[in-house]
Amino acid sequence: MDLAALDVRSLKLGETLLLDGIVHTGRDRFHKYLHDGGELPPGVDLKTSALYHCGPVMVPQTGADGTTQWRMVAGGPTTSSREEPYEADVIARFGLRIIIGKGGMGPRTLAACQQYGCVYLQAVGGAATSIANAVECVEGVDFLDTFGAAEAMWHLRVRNFPVTVAMDAHGNSLYQNVQERSAEQLAFLLAR
């Protein structure tokens, strides 16, 4: 599915997708930077791409023309809940439509997803090299000198990037569903 043309409001909870398009990485320092008033790099549009909670392992390679080219060798998702203090504001301010990560996010982000039309997509944790295989090329990097390689904003062109809709644009969350079912099961077992 083409990220730029994806109708996020039509996505259903639990649906699996293979994404094609531009994905930008962003972790703690980047989210705080945006939350504190920082701007996106020129040319980055979060309305037509995805923001991936990932600190990739990147390897520099010198091209034939002497320029540095980058290759992702591992790119598994990082725990998204760390971005909960910032994500709702990033969604509102930049029109973010697609978040990719692992472990889900909290009620502020879920409410912002519903209000502004955004989805949270679960990438498989522990599949860092498999996910890296979905990266066709690294189109660039911003904030490398400022935040370091793991926290920089890497711009990735992906093909067949596997994800599952874990929080939809209608206020539904797989994580919340699991928590509620677990609480019901626990109450049942304790009542026995």
N, C-alpha and C. Protein backbone atom coordinates (compact mmCIF):
# COMPACT_ATOMS: atom_id res chain seq x y z
N MET A 1 0.85 -1.18 0.00
CA MET A 1 0.00 0.00 0.00
C MET A 1 0.89 1.24 0.00
N ASP A 2 0.55 2.17 -0.85
CA ASP A 2 1.29 3.42 -0.97
C ASP A 2 0.98 4.32 0.22
N LEU A 3 1.99 4.65 1.00
CA LEU A 3 1.80 5.48 2.19
C LEU A 3 1.17 6.83 1.88
N ALA A 4 1.60 7.47 0.81
CA ALA A 4 1.12 8.80 0.48
C ALA A 4 -0.37 8.81 0.16
N ALA A 5 -0.89 7.72 -0.39
CA ALA A 5 -2.29 7.66 -0.80
C ALA A 5 -3.18 6.91 0.19
N LEU A 6 -2.62 6.43 1.28
CA LEU A 6 -3.35 5.60 2.23
C LEU A 6 -4.46 6.38 2.93
N ASP A 7 -5.67 5.85 2.89
CA ASP A 7 -6.80 6.44 3.61
C ASP A 7 -6.82 5.83 5.01
N VAL A 8 -6.23 6.53 5.98
CA VAL A 8 -6.06 5.95 7.31
C VAL A 8 -7.39 5.73 8.02
N ARG A 9 -8.40 6.52 7.72
CA ARG A 9 -9.70 6.35 8.38
C ARG A 9 -10.40 5.06 7.93
N SER A 10 -9.97 4.49 6.81
CA SER A 10 -10.59 3.25 6.32
C SER A 10 -9.93 2.00 6.90
N LEU A 11 -8.81 2.16 7.57
CA LEU A 11 -8.09 1.00 8.10
C LEU A 11 -8.80 0.41 9.31
N LYS A 12 -8.81 -0.89 9.38
CA LYS A 12 -9.50 -1.61 10.45
C LYS A 12 -8.50 -2.17 11.46
N LEU A 13 -8.89 -2.16 12.71
CA LEU A 13 -8.09 -2.72 13.79
C LEU A 13 -7.75 -4.18 13.48
N GLY A 14 -6.47 -4.53 13.59
CA GLY A 14 -6.02 -5.89 13.33
C GLY A 14 -5.65 -6.16 11.88
N GLU A 15 -5.93 -5.23 10.99
CA GLU A 15 -5.60 -5.40 9.56
C GLU A 15 -4.08 -5.40 9.37
N THR A 16 -3.58 -6.30 8.53
CA THR A 16 -2.15 -6.31 8.23
C THR A 16 -1.92 -5.63 6.88
N LEU A 17 -0.79 -4.92 6.81
CA LEU A 17 -0.47 -4.14 5.62
C LEU A 17 0.99 -4.36 5.24
N LEU A 18 1.28 -4.14 3.97
CA LEU A 18 2.65 -4.06 3.48
C LEU A 18 2.79 -2.66 2.89
N LEU A 19 3.59 -1.83 3.54
CA LEU A 19 3.69 -0.42 3.18
C LEU A 19 4.79 -0.16 2.15
N ASP A 20 4.51 0.77 1.24
CA ASP A 20 5.49 1.26 0.28
C ASP A 20 5.51 2.79 0.39
N GLY A 21 6.71 3.36 0.39
CA GLY A 21 6.80 4.81 0.43
C GLY A 21 7.90 5.29 1.33
N ILE A 22 7.73 6.51 1.86
CA ILE A 22 8.74 7.14 2.70
C ILE A 22 8.38 7.00 4.17
N VAL A 23 9.35 6.53 4.94
CA VAL A 23 9.23 6.40 6.39
C VAL A 23 10.39 7.18 7.01
N HIS A 24 10.08 8.00 8.01
CA HIS A 24 11.11 8.77 8.72
C HIS A 24 11.23 8.21 10.14
N THR A 25 12.45 7.99 10.59
CA THR A 25 12.63 7.54 11.97
C THR A 25 12.61 8.74 12.91
N GLY A 26 12.19 8.50 14.13
CA GLY A 26 12.18 9.55 15.15
C GLY A 26 12.00 8.93 16.51
N ARG A 27 12.92 9.26 17.41
CA ARG A 27 12.84 8.72 18.76
C ARG A 27 12.70 9.85 19.78
N ASP A 28 13.13 9.59 21.00
CA ASP A 28 12.89 10.48 22.13
C ASP A 28 13.37 11.92 21.91
N ARG A 29 14.63 12.09 21.55
CA ARG A 29 15.17 13.44 21.42
C ARG A 29 14.50 14.21 20.29
N PHE A 30 14.20 13.51 19.20
CA PHE A 30 13.52 14.15 18.08
C PHE A 30 12.11 14.58 18.47
N HIS A 31 11.36 13.71 19.15
CA HIS A 31 10.01 14.06 19.59
C HIS A 31 10.03 15.25 20.56
N LYS A 32 10.95 15.25 21.50
CA LYS A 32 11.04 16.37 22.44
C LYS A 32 11.38 17.66 21.70
N TYR A 33 12.29 17.56 20.72
CA TYR A 33 12.65 18.72 19.91
C TYR A 33 11.41 19.31 19.22
N LEU A 34 10.60 18.47 18.59
CA LEU A 34 9.38 18.95 17.93
C LEU A 34 8.40 19.51 18.94
N HIS A 35 8.23 18.81 20.05
CA HIS A 35 7.30 19.23 21.10
C HIS A 35 7.68 20.60 21.65
N ASP A 36 8.98 20.86 21.73
CA ASP A 36 9.47 22.13 22.29
C ASP A 36 9.52 23.25 21.25
N GLY A 37 8.93 23.04 20.08
CA GLY A 37 8.84 24.10 19.08
C GLY A 37 9.72 23.93 17.87
N GLY A 38 10.51 22.85 17.82
CA GLY A 38 11.38 22.61 16.67
C GLY A 38 10.57 22.36 15.40
N GLU A 39 11.23 22.54 14.28
CA GLU A 39 10.58 22.37 12.98
C GLU A 39 11.08 21.11 12.27
N LEU A 40 10.27 20.61 11.38
CA LEU A 40 10.67 19.49 10.54
C LEU A 40 11.72 19.96 9.54
N PRO A 41 12.60 19.08 9.13
CA PRO A 41 13.56 19.45 8.09
C PRO A 41 12.84 19.80 6.78
N PRO A 42 13.44 20.65 5.95
CA PRO A 42 12.83 20.98 4.65
C PRO A 42 12.55 19.72 3.84
N GLY A 43 11.37 19.68 3.24
CA GLY A 43 10.99 18.55 2.40
C GLY A 43 10.32 17.40 3.12
N VAL A 44 10.31 17.41 4.45
CA VAL A 44 9.65 16.33 5.21
C VAL A 44 8.19 16.69 5.41
N ASP A 45 7.31 15.81 4.94
CA ASP A 45 5.87 16.01 5.07
C ASP A 45 5.28 14.79 5.77
N LEU A 46 4.86 14.96 7.01
CA LEU A 46 4.32 13.83 7.78
C LEU A 46 2.87 13.51 7.39
N LYS A 47 2.30 14.28 6.46
CA LYS A 47 0.96 13.97 5.97
C LYS A 47 1.00 12.91 4.88
N THR A 48 2.16 12.71 4.27
CA THR A 48 2.27 11.77 3.15
C THR A 48 3.30 10.66 3.41
N SER A 49 3.73 10.56 4.66
CA SER A 49 4.75 9.57 5.02
C SER A 49 4.41 9.02 6.40
N ALA A 50 5.33 8.26 6.97
CA ALA A 50 5.12 7.69 8.31
C ALA A 50 6.27 8.08 9.21
N LEU A 51 5.99 8.13 10.51
CA LEU A 51 7.01 8.37 11.53
C LEU A 51 7.22 7.06 12.28
N TYR A 52 8.43 6.56 12.21
CA TYR A 52 8.76 5.24 12.74
C TYR A 52 9.60 5.39 14.01
N HIS A 53 9.13 4.86 15.12
CA HIS A 53 9.87 4.86 16.38
C HIS A 53 10.95 3.80 16.27
N CYS A 54 12.14 4.22 15.88
CA CYS A 54 13.21 3.28 15.58
C CYS A 54 14.55 3.98 15.73
N GLY A 55 15.51 3.28 16.31
CA GLY A 55 16.90 3.72 16.35
C GLY A 55 17.70 2.74 15.52
N PRO A 56 17.76 2.94 14.21
CA PRO A 56 18.35 1.94 13.33
C PRO A 56 19.86 1.81 13.47
N VAL A 57 20.35 0.66 13.05
CA VAL A 57 21.79 0.45 12.94
C VAL A 57 22.13 0.73 11.48
N MET A 58 22.93 1.77 11.27
CA MET A 58 23.26 2.21 9.92
C MET A 58 24.76 2.03 9.67
N VAL A 59 25.08 1.66 8.44
CA VAL A 59 26.48 1.47 8.05
C VAL A 59 26.79 2.44 6.91
N PRO A 60 27.84 3.27 7.09
CA PRO A 60 28.21 4.17 6.00
C PRO A 60 29.01 3.43 4.93
N GLN A 61 28.79 3.82 3.69
CA GLN A 61 29.55 3.27 2.57
C GLN A 61 29.93 4.44 1.67
N THR A 62 31.14 4.42 1.17
CA THR A 62 31.59 5.49 0.28
C THR A 62 31.22 5.13 -1.15
N GLY A 63 30.45 6.03 -1.77
CA GLY A 63 30.05 5.81 -3.15
C GLY A 63 31.19 6.06 -4.11
N ALA A 64 30.99 5.71 -5.37
CA ALA A 64 32.01 5.88 -6.41
C ALA A 64 32.41 7.35 -6.57
N ASP A 65 31.47 8.25 -6.25
CA ASP A 65 31.75 9.68 -6.37
C ASP A 65 32.35 10.27 -5.09
N GLY A 66 32.63 9.41 -4.11
CA GLY A 66 33.24 9.86 -2.86
C GLY A 66 32.25 10.30 -1.79
N THR A 67 30.96 10.28 -2.10
CA THR A 67 29.96 10.67 -1.11
C THR A 67 29.62 9.49 -0.20
N THR A 68 29.14 9.81 0.98
CA THR A 68 28.73 8.77 1.92
C THR A 68 27.31 8.34 1.63
N GLN A 69 27.13 7.07 1.44
CA GLN A 69 25.81 6.45 1.29
C GLN A 69 25.59 5.62 2.55
N TRP A 70 24.35 5.48 2.96
CA TRP A 70 24.04 4.72 4.17
C TRP A 70 23.21 3.50 3.82
N ARG A 71 23.40 2.46 4.61
CA ARG A 71 22.62 1.23 4.48
C ARG A 71 22.15 0.81 5.86
N MET A 72 20.86 0.51 5.98
CA MET A 72 20.32 0.02 7.24
C MET A 72 20.58 -1.47 7.34
N VAL A 73 21.20 -1.90 8.43
CA VAL A 73 21.44 -3.33 8.63
C VAL A 73 20.50 -3.91 9.68
N ALA A 74 19.93 -3.06 10.53
CA ALA A 74 18.93 -3.48 11.51
C ALA A 74 18.03 -2.29 11.79
N GLY A 75 16.73 -2.56 11.84
CA GLY A 75 15.80 -1.45 12.04
C GLY A 75 14.53 -1.84 12.73
N GLY A 76 14.67 -2.50 13.86
CA GLY A 76 13.48 -2.90 14.61
C GLY A 76 12.86 -1.73 15.34
N PRO A 77 11.58 -1.84 15.68
CA PRO A 77 10.88 -0.76 16.38
C PRO A 77 11.36 -0.63 17.82
N THR A 78 11.30 0.59 18.32
CA THR A 78 11.59 0.84 19.72
C THR A 78 10.27 1.02 20.46
N THR A 79 10.30 0.99 21.76
CA THR A 79 9.09 1.09 22.58
C THR A 79 8.46 2.46 22.43
N SER A 80 7.25 2.48 21.92
CA SER A 80 6.57 3.73 21.58
C SER A 80 6.06 4.51 22.78
N SER A 81 5.79 3.85 23.88
CA SER A 81 5.20 4.54 25.03
C SER A 81 6.08 5.69 25.53
N ARG A 82 7.37 5.65 25.22
CA ARG A 82 8.25 6.74 25.63
C ARG A 82 7.90 8.05 24.94
N GLU A 83 7.21 7.96 23.80
CA GLU A 83 6.84 9.17 23.05
C GLU A 83 5.46 9.70 23.43
N GLU A 84 4.79 9.04 24.36
CA GLU A 84 3.45 9.45 24.76
C GLU A 84 3.36 10.91 25.21
N PRO A 85 4.34 11.44 25.95
CA PRO A 85 4.21 12.87 26.35
C PRO A 85 4.20 13.84 25.17
N TYR A 86 4.67 13.41 24.01
CA TYR A 86 4.84 14.31 22.87
C TYR A 86 3.94 14.02 21.67
N GLU A 87 3.56 12.78 21.49
CA GLU A 87 2.97 12.35 20.21
C GLU A 87 1.68 13.07 19.85
N ALA A 88 0.78 13.29 20.79
CA ALA A 88 -0.48 13.97 20.46
C ALA A 88 -0.21 15.35 19.88
N ASP A 89 0.76 16.05 20.43
CA ASP A 89 1.10 17.38 19.92
C ASP A 89 1.72 17.31 18.54
N VAL A 90 2.54 16.29 18.29
CA VAL A 90 3.15 16.10 16.97
C VAL A 90 2.07 15.81 15.93
N ILE A 91 1.10 14.98 16.29
CA ILE A 91 -0.02 14.66 15.39
C ILE A 91 -0.76 15.94 15.03
N ALA A 92 -1.12 16.72 16.04
CA ALA A 92 -1.90 17.95 15.81
C ALA A 92 -1.11 18.99 15.03
N ARG A 93 0.14 19.18 15.39
CA ARG A 93 0.94 20.27 14.80
C ARG A 93 1.38 19.98 13.37
N PHE A 94 1.71 18.73 13.07
CA PHE A 94 2.30 18.41 11.77
C PHE A 94 1.41 17.56 10.87
N GLY A 95 0.20 17.23 11.33
CA GLY A 95 -0.70 16.44 10.50
C GLY A 95 -0.25 15.00 10.32
N LEU A 96 0.51 14.50 11.30
CA LEU A 96 0.99 13.11 11.25
C LEU A 96 -0.19 12.17 11.10
N ARG A 97 -0.11 11.26 10.13
CA ARG A 97 -1.19 10.32 9.87
C ARG A 97 -0.84 8.88 10.20
N ILE A 98 0.48 8.57 10.20
CA ILE A 98 0.87 7.18 10.39
C ILE A 98 2.07 7.11 11.34
N ILE A 99 1.89 6.39 12.44
CA ILE A 99 2.95 6.13 13.41
C ILE A 99 3.25 4.63 13.34
N ILE A 100 4.53 4.29 13.37
CA ILE A 100 4.92 2.87 13.41
C ILE A 100 5.79 2.68 14.65
N GLY A 101 5.54 1.63 15.40
CA GLY A 101 6.34 1.36 16.58
C GLY A 101 6.01 0.00 17.15
N LYS A 102 6.29 -0.15 18.46
CA LYS A 102 5.90 -1.40 19.13
C LYS A 102 5.39 -1.07 20.53
N GLY A 103 4.48 -1.89 20.98
CA GLY A 103 3.99 -1.79 22.35
C GLY A 103 2.83 -0.85 22.58
N GLY A 104 2.44 -0.09 21.57
CA GLY A 104 1.29 0.80 21.71
C GLY A 104 1.61 2.12 22.39
N MET A 105 0.59 2.95 22.46
CA MET A 105 0.71 4.26 23.07
C MET A 105 -0.48 4.49 23.98
N GLY A 106 -0.48 5.62 24.67
CA GLY A 106 -1.48 5.89 25.69
C GLY A 106 -2.72 6.62 25.21
N PRO A 107 -3.55 7.03 26.16
CA PRO A 107 -4.86 7.63 25.84
C PRO A 107 -4.77 8.97 25.11
N ARG A 108 -3.77 9.79 25.40
CA ARG A 108 -3.65 11.08 24.69
C ARG A 108 -3.39 10.85 23.20
N THR A 109 -2.51 9.92 22.90
CA THR A 109 -2.22 9.63 21.50
C THR A 109 -3.42 9.00 20.82
N LEU A 110 -4.10 8.07 21.49
CA LEU A 110 -5.28 7.43 20.93
C LEU A 110 -6.35 8.47 20.62
N ALA A 111 -6.57 9.42 21.53
CA ALA A 111 -7.55 10.49 21.30
C ALA A 111 -7.14 11.38 20.13
N ALA A 112 -5.85 11.68 20.02
CA ALA A 112 -5.36 12.51 18.91
C ALA A 112 -5.51 11.76 17.58
N CYS A 113 -5.28 10.45 17.59
CA CYS A 113 -5.48 9.65 16.38
C CYS A 113 -6.92 9.75 15.91
N GLN A 114 -7.85 9.68 16.85
CA GLN A 114 -9.27 9.76 16.50
C GLN A 114 -9.62 11.16 16.01
N GLN A 115 -9.16 12.18 16.71
CA GLN A 115 -9.51 13.55 16.36
C GLN A 115 -8.93 13.99 15.02
N TYR A 116 -7.67 13.65 14.75
CA TYR A 116 -6.98 14.17 13.58
C TYR A 116 -6.85 13.18 12.42
N GLY A 117 -7.23 11.92 12.63
CA GLY A 117 -7.12 10.93 11.57
C GLY A 117 -5.72 10.39 11.44
N CYS A 118 -5.30 9.62 12.43
CA CYS A 118 -3.97 9.03 12.47
C CYS A 118 -4.12 7.58 12.93
N VAL A 119 -3.19 6.72 12.54
CA VAL A 119 -3.20 5.34 13.00
C VAL A 119 -1.83 4.99 13.57
N TYR A 120 -1.86 4.03 14.49
CA TYR A 120 -0.63 3.49 15.06
C TYR A 120 -0.50 2.07 14.52
N LEU A 121 0.62 1.81 13.85
CA LEU A 121 0.87 0.52 13.23
C LEU A 121 1.97 -0.21 14.00
N GLN A 122 1.70 -1.44 14.34
CA GLN A 122 2.64 -2.27 15.09
C GLN A 122 3.60 -2.95 14.11
N ALA A 123 4.90 -2.71 14.30
CA ALA A 123 5.93 -3.46 13.59
C ALA A 123 6.39 -4.58 14.52
N VAL A 124 6.88 -5.65 13.98
CA VAL A 124 7.26 -6.80 14.79
C VAL A 124 8.57 -6.54 15.51
N GLY A 125 8.53 -6.56 16.83
CA GLY A 125 9.75 -6.47 17.62
C GLY A 125 10.57 -7.73 17.46
N GLY A 126 11.89 -7.59 17.46
CA GLY A 126 12.77 -8.74 17.32
C GLY A 126 13.03 -9.13 15.87
N ALA A 127 12.50 -8.34 14.93
CA ALA A 127 12.68 -8.67 13.51
C ALA A 127 13.48 -7.56 12.81
N ALA A 128 14.49 -7.05 13.50
CA ALA A 128 15.23 -5.87 13.01
C ALA A 128 15.88 -6.07 11.65
N THR A 129 16.48 -7.23 11.42
CA THR A 129 17.12 -7.44 10.12
C THR A 129 16.09 -7.71 9.03
N SER A 130 15.01 -8.35 9.36
CA SER A 130 13.94 -8.58 8.39
C SER A 130 13.32 -7.25 7.97
N ILE A 131 13.09 -6.37 8.93
CA ILE A 131 12.54 -5.05 8.62
C ILE A 131 13.53 -4.26 7.77
N ALA A 132 14.81 -4.37 8.07
CA ALA A 132 15.83 -3.66 7.27
C ALA A 132 15.78 -4.10 5.81
N ASN A 133 15.39 -5.34 5.57
CA ASN A 133 15.28 -5.83 4.19
C ASN A 133 14.17 -5.13 3.41
N ALA A 134 13.22 -4.52 4.11
CA ALA A 134 12.14 -3.77 3.45
C ALA A 134 12.60 -2.37 3.04
N VAL A 135 13.78 -1.96 3.48
CA VAL A 135 14.30 -0.62 3.14
C VAL A 135 15.02 -0.71 1.80
N GLU A 136 14.44 -0.07 0.78
CA GLU A 136 15.06 -0.06 -0.55
C GLU A 136 16.28 0.84 -0.58
N CYS A 137 16.16 2.00 0.09
CA CYS A 137 17.32 2.90 0.15
C CYS A 137 17.13 3.91 1.27
N VAL A 138 18.25 4.44 1.72
CA VAL A 138 18.27 5.53 2.69
C VAL A 138 18.38 6.81 1.88
N GLU A 139 17.35 7.63 1.93
CA GLU A 139 17.32 8.84 1.10
C GLU A 139 18.02 10.02 1.74
N GLY A 140 18.32 9.92 3.03
CA GLY A 140 19.01 11.01 3.70
C GLY A 140 18.89 10.90 5.20
N VAL A 141 19.48 11.87 5.88
CA VAL A 141 19.44 11.90 7.34
C VAL A 141 19.50 13.36 7.79
N ASP A 142 18.78 13.66 8.84
CA ASP A 142 18.83 14.97 9.49
C ASP A 142 19.10 14.77 10.97
N PHE A 143 19.72 15.76 11.58
CA PHE A 143 20.02 15.78 13.02
C PHE A 143 21.06 14.74 13.43
N LEU A 144 21.84 14.25 12.49
CA LEU A 144 22.87 13.26 12.81
C LEU A 144 23.89 13.84 13.78
N ASP A 145 24.39 15.03 13.50
CA ASP A 145 25.38 15.65 14.38
C ASP A 145 24.75 16.12 15.70
N THR A 146 23.48 16.47 15.66
CA THR A 146 22.79 16.98 16.85
C THR A 146 22.41 15.88 17.83
N PHE A 147 21.81 14.80 17.30
CA PHE A 147 21.25 13.76 18.16
C PHE A 147 22.01 12.45 18.15
N GLY A 148 22.92 12.25 17.20
CA GLY A 148 23.62 10.97 17.06
C GLY A 148 22.84 10.02 16.17
N ALA A 149 23.48 8.95 15.76
CA ALA A 149 22.91 8.03 14.76
C ALA A 149 21.59 7.39 15.20
N ALA A 150 21.50 6.94 16.44
CA ALA A 150 20.29 6.24 16.89
C ALA A 150 19.09 7.17 17.03
N GLU A 151 19.34 8.46 17.30
CA GLU A 151 18.26 9.41 17.52
C GLU A 151 18.02 10.32 16.32
N ALA A 152 18.85 10.23 15.30
CA ALA A 152 18.71 11.07 14.11
C ALA A 152 17.41 10.74 13.38
N MET A 153 17.02 11.63 12.47
CA MET A 153 15.85 11.39 11.63
C MET A 153 16.34 10.86 10.29
N TRP A 154 16.19 9.55 10.12
CA TRP A 154 16.59 8.89 8.87
C TRP A 154 15.39 8.86 7.95
N HIS A 155 15.63 9.09 6.67
CA HIS A 155 14.58 9.11 5.66
C HIS A 155 14.74 7.86 4.79
N LEU A 156 13.78 6.97 4.89
CA LEU A 156 13.88 5.64 4.28
C LEU A 156 12.81 5.44 3.22
N ARG A 157 13.19 4.88 2.10
CA ARG A 157 12.21 4.44 1.10
C ARG A 157 12.01 2.95 1.33
N VAL A 158 10.77 2.56 1.64
CA VAL A 158 10.48 1.17 1.97
C VAL A 158 9.57 0.53 0.93
N ARG A 159 9.66 -0.79 0.84
CA ARG A 159 8.76 -1.58 0.00
C ARG A 159 8.41 -2.84 0.78
N ASN A 160 7.10 -3.10 0.87
CA ASN A 160 6.58 -4.28 1.58
C ASN A 160 7.01 -4.30 3.05
N PHE A 161 6.91 -3.17 3.70
CA PHE A 161 7.21 -3.04 5.13
C PHE A 161 6.00 -3.59 5.89
N PRO A 162 6.16 -4.70 6.64
CA PRO A 162 5.02 -5.37 7.27
C PRO A 162 4.61 -4.73 8.60
N VAL A 163 3.31 -4.43 8.73
CA VAL A 163 2.76 -3.83 9.95
C VAL A 163 1.33 -4.32 10.17
N THR A 164 0.83 -4.10 11.40
CA THR A 164 -0.55 -4.42 11.76
C THR A 164 -1.17 -3.17 12.38
N VAL A 165 -2.41 -2.88 12.03
CA VAL A 165 -3.12 -1.74 12.61
C VAL A 165 -3.45 -2.08 14.06
N ALA A 166 -2.79 -1.38 14.98
CA ALA A 166 -2.96 -1.67 16.41
C ALA A 166 -3.76 -0.60 17.15
N MET A 167 -3.81 0.60 16.60
CA MET A 167 -4.66 1.68 17.11
C MET A 167 -5.21 2.38 15.87
N ASP A 168 -6.54 2.36 15.73
CA ASP A 168 -7.10 2.93 14.51
C ASP A 168 -7.48 4.39 14.70
N ALA A 169 -8.04 4.99 13.66
CA ALA A 169 -8.42 6.40 13.69
C ALA A 169 -9.82 6.62 14.24
N HIS A 170 -10.38 5.58 14.89
CA HIS A 170 -11.73 5.67 15.44
C HIS A 170 -11.75 5.43 16.95
N GLY A 171 -10.56 5.47 17.58
CA GLY A 171 -10.49 5.33 19.02
C GLY A 171 -10.37 3.90 19.52
N ASN A 172 -10.09 2.95 18.63
CA ASN A 172 -9.97 1.55 19.02
C ASN A 172 -8.50 1.16 19.16
N SER A 173 -8.20 0.31 20.14
CA SER A 173 -6.83 -0.09 20.41
C SER A 173 -6.76 -1.57 20.75
N LEU A 174 -5.92 -2.31 20.03
CA LEU A 174 -5.70 -3.72 20.36
C LEU A 174 -5.17 -3.86 21.77
N TYR A 175 -4.31 -2.96 22.17
CA TYR A 175 -3.70 -3.02 23.50
C TYR A 175 -4.76 -2.84 24.59
N GLN A 176 -5.66 -1.89 24.38
CA GLN A 176 -6.74 -1.67 25.34
C GLN A 176 -7.67 -2.89 25.38
N ASN A 177 -7.94 -3.47 24.22
CA ASN A 177 -8.78 -4.68 24.17
C ASN A 177 -8.16 -5.82 24.96
N VAL A 178 -6.86 -6.03 24.78
CA VAL A 178 -6.16 -7.10 25.51
C VAL A 178 -6.20 -6.83 27.01
N GLN A 179 -5.96 -5.58 27.39
CA GLN A 179 -5.98 -5.23 28.82
C GLN A 179 -7.36 -5.48 29.43
N GLU A 180 -8.41 -5.10 28.72
CA GLU A 180 -9.77 -5.31 29.23
C GLU A 180 -10.10 -6.80 29.34
N ARG A 181 -9.75 -7.58 28.32
CA ARG A 181 -10.01 -9.03 28.37
C ARG A 181 -9.21 -9.69 29.49
N SER A 182 -7.99 -9.25 29.68
CA SER A 182 -7.16 -9.80 30.75
C SER A 182 -7.75 -9.50 32.11
N ALA A 183 -8.25 -8.29 32.29
CA ALA A 183 -8.88 -7.91 33.56
C ALA A 183 -10.12 -8.76 33.81
N GLU A 184 -10.91 -8.99 32.76
CA GLU A 184 -12.10 -9.84 32.90
C GLU A 184 -11.72 -11.26 33.28
N GLN A 185 -10.70 -11.80 32.64
CA GLN A 185 -10.23 -13.16 32.95
C GLN A 185 -9.72 -13.25 34.37
N LEU A 186 -8.96 -12.24 34.78
CA LEU A 186 -8.44 -12.22 36.14
C LEU A 186 -9.57 -12.19 37.16
N ALA A 187 -10.57 -11.34 36.92
CA ALA A 187 -11.71 -11.27 37.83
C ALA A 187 -12.44 -12.60 37.89
N PHE A 188 -12.61 -13.25 36.76
CA PHE A 188 -13.25 -14.56 36.71
C PHE A 188 -12.47 -15.58 37.53
N LEU A 189 -11.15 -15.61 37.32
CA LEU A 189 -10.31 -16.59 38.04
C LEU A 189 -10.28 -16.32 39.55
N LEU A 190 -10.26 -15.06 39.93
CA LEU A 190 -10.24 -14.72 41.35
C LEU A 190 -11.57 -15.03 42.04
N ALA A 191 -12.65 -14.99 41.27
CA ALA A 191 -13.98 -15.26 41.83
C ALA A 191 -14.23 -16.74 42.02
N ARG A 192 -13.41 -17.57 41.50
CA ARG A 192 -13.61 -19.03 41.61
C ARG A 192 -13.30 -19.56 42.96
